[in-house]
Amino acid sequence: MKAIYKSDNTEQVVYRLGETASVRAGSGYSRPGNLHCSVENTGNGYIAYFPSHSSTTQDYYVCLDYAQVRDLVLGLSMFKEELGFKDE
């Protein structure tokens, strides 16, 4: 499964393969194809991985159970305009 999201002059390409989804840089970025984030359904919740693209910062992980993810998505839905999502 694949989806493309456009914002300003950039694209983010989202792929899903099995229990893992990845967000990658698309056109408009200096390095198209670079991984921005991957999210894995572990069976107990989700682990989001944000790789560092710099030698001065570390990779970052967020681990949430299903209830926390649902609450986070519900809360973020109130900011969808600011985050570049439009109702269709």
C-alpha atoms as a PDB file:
ATOM      1  CA  MET A   1       0.000   0.000   0.000  1.00  0.00           C
ATOM      2  CA  LYS A   2       1.272   3.495  -0.826  1.00  0.00           C
ATOM      3  CA  ALA A   3       0.020   7.068  -0.237  1.00  0.00           C
ATOM      4  CA  ILE A   4       1.512  10.424  -1.187  1.00  0.00           C
ATOM      5  CA  TYR A   5       0.966  13.574   0.865  1.00  0.00           C
ATOM      6  CA  LYS A   6       1.851  16.990  -0.545  1.00  0.00           C
ATOM      7  CA  SER A   7       2.553  20.102   1.504  1.00  0.00           C
ATOM      8  CA  ASP A   8       3.938  23.333   0.092  1.00  0.00           C
ATOM      9  CA  ASN A   9       6.581  22.176  -2.406  1.00  0.00           C
ATOM     10  CA  THR A  10       7.359  18.793  -0.851  1.00  0.00           C
ATOM     11  CA  GLU A  11       5.973  15.288  -0.859  1.00  0.00           C
ATOM     12  CA  GLN A  12       6.007  12.589   1.788  1.00  0.00           C
ATOM     13  CA  VAL A  13       5.530   9.043   0.532  1.00  0.00           C
ATOM     14  CA  VAL A  14       3.993   6.570   2.989  1.00  0.00           C
ATOM     15  CA  TYR A  15       4.359   2.833   2.427  1.00  0.00           C
ATOM     16  CA  ARG A  16       2.895  -0.076   4.343  1.00  0.00           C
ATOM     17  CA  LEU A  17       4.251  -3.592   4.166  1.00  0.00           C
ATOM     18  CA  GLY A  18       2.709  -6.017   6.651  1.00  0.00           C
ATOM     19  CA  GLU A  19       2.921  -4.587  10.161  1.00  0.00           C
ATOM     20  CA  THR A  20       5.335  -1.765   9.279  1.00  0.00           C
ATOM     21  CA  ALA A  21       4.681   1.626   7.703  1.00  0.00           C
ATOM     22  CA  SER A  22       7.384   4.042   6.605  1.00  0.00           C
ATOM     23  CA  VAL A  23       7.361   7.723   5.749  1.00  0.00           C
ATOM     24  CA  ARG A  24       9.984   8.741   3.210  1.00  0.00           C
ATOM     25  CA  ALA A  25      11.052  11.999   1.627  1.00  0.00           C
ATOM     26  CA  GLY A  26       9.583  12.546  -1.810  1.00  0.00           C
ATOM     27  CA  SER A  27      10.064  15.251  -4.402  1.00  0.00           C
ATOM     28  CA  GLY A  28      11.068  18.651  -3.106  1.00  0.00           C
ATOM     29  CA  TYR A  29      13.512  17.222  -0.552  1.00  0.00           C
ATOM     30  CA  SER A  30      17.266  17.296  -1.067  1.00  0.00           C
ATOM     31  CA  ARG A  31      17.460  13.526  -0.540  1.00  0.00           C
ATOM     32  CA  PRO A  32      14.315  11.851  -1.871  1.00  0.00           C
ATOM     33  CA  GLY A  33      13.891   8.368  -0.445  1.00  0.00           C
ATOM     34  CA  ASN A  34      15.377   9.208   2.963  1.00  0.00           C
ATOM     35  CA  LEU A  35      13.473   7.588   5.820  1.00  0.00           C
ATOM     36  CA  HIS A  36      11.681  10.133   8.006  1.00  0.00           C
ATOM     37  CA  CYS A  37       9.874   7.670  10.259  1.00  0.00           C
ATOM     38  CA  SER A  38       8.856   4.042  10.508  1.00  0.00           C
ATOM     39  CA  VAL A  39       6.011   2.694  12.610  1.00  0.00           C
ATOM     40  CA  GLU A  40       5.688  -0.961  13.589  1.00  0.00           C
ATOM     41  CA  ASN A  41       2.672  -2.722  15.062  1.00  0.00           C
ATOM     42  CA  THR A  42       4.291  -5.023  17.624  1.00  0.00           C
ATOM     43  CA  GLY A  43       1.162  -6.861  18.739  1.00  0.00           C
ATOM     44  CA  ASN A  44       1.230  -4.936  22.044  1.00  0.00           C
ATOM     45  CA  GLY A  45       1.214  -1.422  20.587  1.00  0.00           C
ATOM     46  CA  TYR A  46       3.330   0.623  18.225  1.00  0.00           C
ATOM     47  CA  ILE A  47       6.975   1.630  18.059  1.00  0.00           C
ATOM     48  CA  ALA A  48       7.757   4.735  16.011  1.00  0.00           C
ATOM     49  CA  TYR A  49      11.381   5.163  14.920  1.00  0.00           C
ATOM     50  CA  PHE A  50      12.789   8.509  13.806  1.00  0.00           C
ATOM     51  CA  PRO A  51      16.306   8.078  12.398  1.00  0.00           C
ATOM     52  CA  SER A  52      18.941  10.731  12.862  1.00  0.00           C
ATOM     53  CA  HIS A  53      20.330  12.248   9.701  1.00  0.00           C
ATOM     54  CA  SER A  54      23.127  13.970  11.589  1.00  0.00           C
ATOM     55  CA  SER A  55      26.187  12.823  13.489  1.00  0.00           C
ATOM     56  CA  THR A  56      25.268  15.163  16.354  1.00  0.00           C
ATOM     57  CA  THR A  57      21.828  13.767  17.141  1.00  0.00           C
ATOM     58  CA  GLN A  58      20.602  10.315  18.119  1.00  0.00           C
ATOM     59  CA  ASP A  59      17.854   8.194  16.622  1.00  0.00           C
ATOM     60  CA  TYR A  60      14.577   8.611  18.498  1.00  0.00           C
ATOM     61  CA  TYR A  61      11.967   5.989  19.448  1.00  0.00           C
ATOM     62  CA  VAL A  62       8.424   6.373  20.745  1.00  0.00           C
ATOM     63  CA  CYS A  63       6.637   3.321  22.195  1.00  0.00           C
ATOM     64  CA  LEU A  64       2.889   3.501  22.800  1.00  0.00           C
ATOM     65  CA  ASP A  65       0.192   0.948  23.578  1.00  0.00           C
ATOM     66  CA  TYR A  66      -2.982   0.826  21.472  1.00  0.00           C
ATOM     67  CA  ALA A  67      -5.019   3.053  23.799  1.00  0.00           C
ATOM     68  CA  GLN A  68      -2.284   5.711  23.860  1.00  0.00           C
ATOM     69  CA  VAL A  69      -2.015   5.697  20.055  1.00  0.00           C
ATOM     70  CA  ARG A  70      -5.766   6.053  19.677  1.00  0.00           C
ATOM     71  CA  ASP A  71      -5.847   8.968  22.125  1.00  0.00           C
ATOM     72  CA  LEU A  72      -2.897  10.624  20.370  1.00  0.00           C
ATOM     73  CA  VAL A  73      -4.559  10.315  16.942  1.00  0.00           C
ATOM     74  CA  LEU A  74      -7.802  11.714  18.352  1.00  0.00           C
ATOM     75  CA  GLY A  75      -5.968  14.654  19.899  1.00  0.00           C
ATOM     76  CA  LEU A  76      -3.900  15.354  16.782  1.00  0.00           C
ATOM     77  CA  SER A  77      -7.053  15.281  14.654  1.00  0.00           C
ATOM     78  CA  MET A  78      -7.879  18.680  16.148  1.00  0.00           C
ATOM     79  CA  PHE A  79      -4.696  20.057  14.526  1.00  0.00           C
ATOM     80  CA  LYS A  80      -5.147  18.523  11.066  1.00  0.00           C
ATOM     81  CA  GLU A  81      -5.321  21.905   9.292  1.00  0.00           C
ATOM     82  CA  GLU A  82      -2.100  23.103  10.921  1.00  0.00           C
ATOM     83  CA  LEU A  83      -0.465  19.780  10.011  1.00  0.00           C
ATOM     84  CA  GLY A  84      -1.432  20.153   6.346  1.00  0.00           C
ATOM     85  CA  PHE A  85      -4.375  17.731   6.103  1.00  0.00           C
ATOM     86  CA  LYS A  86      -7.581  18.812   4.397  1.00  0.00           C
ATOM     87  CA  ASP A  87     -11.129  17.476   4.650  1.00  0.00           C
ATOM     88  CA  GLU A  88     -12.329  16.101   1.341  1.00  0.00           C
END
